[in-house]
Amino acid sequence: MRKFVVSKNIHRYRTLLASETNPARRAVIERLLAEEQEIWAGLSEDAGDPDRSDEPDGSDRS
């Protein structure tokens, strides 16, 4: 369940960043996105996890 919530948060923050123009708001959203991405990485560290990927949507953005 936690992975689902984190994945949805990442998606939402990316969507918000796509349209936000206010620098102060963008900074807050970018910080929140970075925090969720760190959580995602921690949740995905288990190499035996069949749902493991570098990105919540299953893509690898490296």
N, C-alpha and C. Protein backbone atom coordinates (compact mmCIF):
# COMPACT_ATOMS: atom_id res chain seq x y z
N MET A 1 0.82 -1.19 0.00
CA MET A 1 0.00 0.00 0.00
C MET A 1 0.87 1.25 0.00
N ARG A 2 1.96 1.22 0.75
CA ARG A 2 2.85 2.39 0.82
C ARG A 2 3.43 2.72 -0.55
N LYS A 3 3.82 1.70 -1.31
CA LYS A 3 4.38 1.93 -2.64
C LYS A 3 3.34 2.60 -3.55
N PHE A 4 2.09 2.21 -3.41
CA PHE A 4 1.03 2.81 -4.21
C PHE A 4 0.91 4.30 -3.92
N VAL A 5 0.89 4.65 -2.65
CA VAL A 5 0.74 6.06 -2.24
C VAL A 5 1.94 6.88 -2.72
N VAL A 6 3.14 6.37 -2.52
CA VAL A 6 4.35 7.08 -2.94
C VAL A 6 4.34 7.27 -4.46
N SER A 7 3.97 6.23 -5.18
CA SER A 7 3.90 6.31 -6.64
C SER A 7 2.92 7.39 -7.09
N LYS A 8 1.76 7.44 -6.47
CA LYS A 8 0.76 8.45 -6.82
C LYS A 8 1.25 9.86 -6.47
N ASN A 9 1.95 10.00 -5.35
CA ASN A 9 2.49 11.30 -4.96
C ASN A 9 3.51 11.78 -5.99
N ILE A 10 4.39 10.89 -6.43
CA ILE A 10 5.40 11.25 -7.43
C ILE A 10 4.72 11.69 -8.72
N HIS A 11 3.75 10.95 -9.15
CA HIS A 11 3.02 11.31 -10.36
C HIS A 11 2.36 12.69 -10.21
N ARG A 12 1.72 12.92 -9.08
CA ARG A 12 1.05 14.20 -8.83
C ARG A 12 2.03 15.36 -8.83
N TYR A 13 3.17 15.21 -8.16
CA TYR A 13 4.15 16.29 -8.11
C TYR A 13 4.72 16.59 -9.49
N ARG A 14 4.95 15.56 -10.28
CA ARG A 14 5.42 15.79 -11.65
C ARG A 14 4.39 16.54 -12.48
N THR A 15 3.13 16.20 -12.30
CA THR A 15 2.04 16.88 -13.00
C THR A 15 1.98 18.35 -12.57
N LEU A 16 2.09 18.60 -11.28
CA LEU A 16 2.07 19.97 -10.79
C LEU A 16 3.24 20.78 -11.34
N LEU A 17 4.41 20.18 -11.39
CA LEU A 17 5.59 20.89 -11.90
C LEU A 17 5.44 21.26 -13.37
N ALA A 18 4.72 20.47 -14.11
CA ALA A 18 4.54 20.73 -15.54
C ALA A 18 3.78 22.02 -15.80
N SER A 19 2.97 22.45 -14.83
CA SER A 19 2.17 23.65 -15.06
C SER A 19 2.46 24.81 -14.11
N GLU A 20 3.20 24.56 -13.05
CA GLU A 20 3.47 25.62 -12.07
C GLU A 20 4.56 26.57 -12.56
N THR A 21 4.29 27.87 -12.48
CA THR A 21 5.26 28.86 -12.93
C THR A 21 5.83 29.69 -11.78
N ASN A 22 5.18 29.68 -10.64
CA ASN A 22 5.65 30.45 -9.48
C ASN A 22 6.90 29.78 -8.91
N PRO A 23 8.03 30.51 -8.89
CA PRO A 23 9.29 29.90 -8.42
C PRO A 23 9.23 29.37 -6.99
N ALA A 24 8.56 30.06 -6.11
CA ALA A 24 8.47 29.60 -4.72
C ALA A 24 7.67 28.30 -4.63
N ARG A 25 6.58 28.22 -5.35
CA ARG A 25 5.76 27.00 -5.35
C ARG A 25 6.50 25.86 -6.02
N ARG A 26 7.21 26.17 -7.12
CA ARG A 26 7.99 25.12 -7.80
C ARG A 26 9.03 24.54 -6.86
N ALA A 27 9.67 25.40 -6.08
CA ALA A 27 10.70 24.94 -5.14
C ALA A 27 10.11 23.97 -4.12
N VAL A 28 8.93 24.29 -3.61
CA VAL A 28 8.26 23.41 -2.64
C VAL A 28 7.91 22.07 -3.29
N ILE A 29 7.35 22.12 -4.49
CA ILE A 29 6.96 20.89 -5.19
C ILE A 29 8.20 20.05 -5.51
N GLU A 30 9.27 20.70 -5.94
CA GLU A 30 10.51 19.97 -6.24
C GLU A 30 11.06 19.28 -4.99
N ARG A 31 10.98 19.96 -3.85
CA ARG A 31 11.45 19.36 -2.59
C ARG A 31 10.58 18.15 -2.22
N LEU A 32 9.28 18.32 -2.34
CA LEU A 32 8.37 17.21 -2.04
C LEU A 32 8.61 16.02 -2.98
N LEU A 33 8.81 16.32 -4.26
CA LEU A 33 9.09 15.27 -5.23
C LEU A 33 10.38 14.52 -4.87
N ALA A 34 11.41 15.27 -4.53
CA ALA A 34 12.69 14.64 -4.16
C ALA A 34 12.52 13.75 -2.93
N GLU A 35 11.74 14.19 -1.96
CA GLU A 35 11.51 13.38 -0.76
C GLU A 35 10.79 12.08 -1.11
N GLU A 36 9.77 12.17 -1.95
CA GLU A 36 9.03 10.96 -2.34
C GLU A 36 9.91 10.02 -3.16
N GLN A 37 10.77 10.58 -4.01
CA GLN A 37 11.66 9.73 -4.81
C GLN A 37 12.66 9.01 -3.91
N GLU A 38 13.11 9.66 -2.85
CA GLU A 38 13.99 8.99 -1.88
C GLU A 38 13.26 7.85 -1.19
N ILE A 39 12.02 8.09 -0.81
CA ILE A 39 11.22 7.04 -0.18
C ILE A 39 11.04 5.88 -1.15
N TRP A 40 10.72 6.20 -2.41
CA TRP A 40 10.54 5.16 -3.42
C TRP A 40 11.80 4.31 -3.56
N ALA A 41 12.96 4.97 -3.60
CA ALA A 41 14.22 4.24 -3.73
C ALA A 41 14.42 3.30 -2.54
N GLY A 42 14.07 3.75 -1.36
CA GLY A 42 14.20 2.91 -0.17
C GLY A 42 13.26 1.73 -0.20
N LEU A 43 12.06 1.95 -0.73
CA LEU A 43 11.08 0.87 -0.81
C LEU A 43 11.46 -0.15 -1.89
N SER A 44 12.22 0.29 -2.87
CA SER A 44 12.55 -0.56 -4.02
C SER A 44 13.93 -1.20 -3.93
N GLU A 45 14.63 -1.03 -2.81
CA GLU A 45 15.99 -1.55 -2.69
C GLU A 45 16.06 -3.08 -2.70
N ASP A 46 15.02 -3.74 -2.29
CA ASP A 46 15.04 -5.20 -2.22
C ASP A 46 15.09 -5.78 -3.63
N ALA A 47 16.23 -6.35 -4.00
CA ALA A 47 16.41 -6.89 -5.35
C ALA A 47 15.46 -8.04 -5.65
N GLY A 48 14.92 -8.68 -4.63
CA GLY A 48 14.00 -9.78 -4.84
C GLY A 48 12.57 -9.32 -5.05
N ASP A 49 12.34 -8.02 -5.00
CA ASP A 49 11.00 -7.47 -5.15
C ASP A 49 10.60 -7.52 -6.62
N PRO A 50 9.56 -8.28 -7.00
CA PRO A 50 9.15 -8.37 -8.40
C PRO A 50 8.63 -7.05 -8.96
N ASP A 51 8.22 -6.13 -8.08
CA ASP A 51 7.72 -4.83 -8.52
C ASP A 51 8.83 -3.79 -8.59
N ARG A 52 10.06 -4.24 -8.39
CA ARG A 52 11.17 -3.29 -8.32
C ARG A 52 11.41 -2.63 -9.67
N SER A 53 11.54 -1.32 -9.64
CA SER A 53 11.97 -0.53 -10.79
C SER A 53 12.53 0.77 -10.27
N ASP A 54 13.21 1.49 -11.11
CA ASP A 54 13.81 2.74 -10.69
C ASP A 54 12.78 3.87 -10.64
N GLU A 55 11.68 3.71 -11.31
CA GLU A 55 10.63 4.72 -11.33
C GLU A 55 9.29 4.05 -11.02
N PRO A 56 8.40 4.76 -10.34
CA PRO A 56 7.11 4.19 -9.98
C PRO A 56 6.26 3.74 -11.15
N ASP A 57 6.42 4.35 -12.31
CA ASP A 57 5.61 3.96 -13.46
C ASP A 57 6.24 2.81 -14.24
N GLY A 58 7.35 2.26 -13.71
CA GLY A 58 7.99 1.13 -14.35
C GLY A 58 9.07 1.49 -15.34
N SER A 59 9.24 2.78 -15.60
CA SER A 59 10.27 3.19 -16.54
C SER A 59 11.55 3.52 -15.81
N ASP A 60 12.62 3.51 -16.53
CA ASP A 60 13.92 3.87 -15.97
C ASP A 60 14.35 5.17 -16.61
N ARG A 61 14.34 6.25 -15.84
CA ARG A 61 14.65 7.56 -16.40
C ARG A 61 16.11 7.92 -16.28
N SER A 62 16.99 6.96 -16.14
CA SER A 62 18.41 7.27 -16.00
C SER A 62 19.06 7.54 -17.33
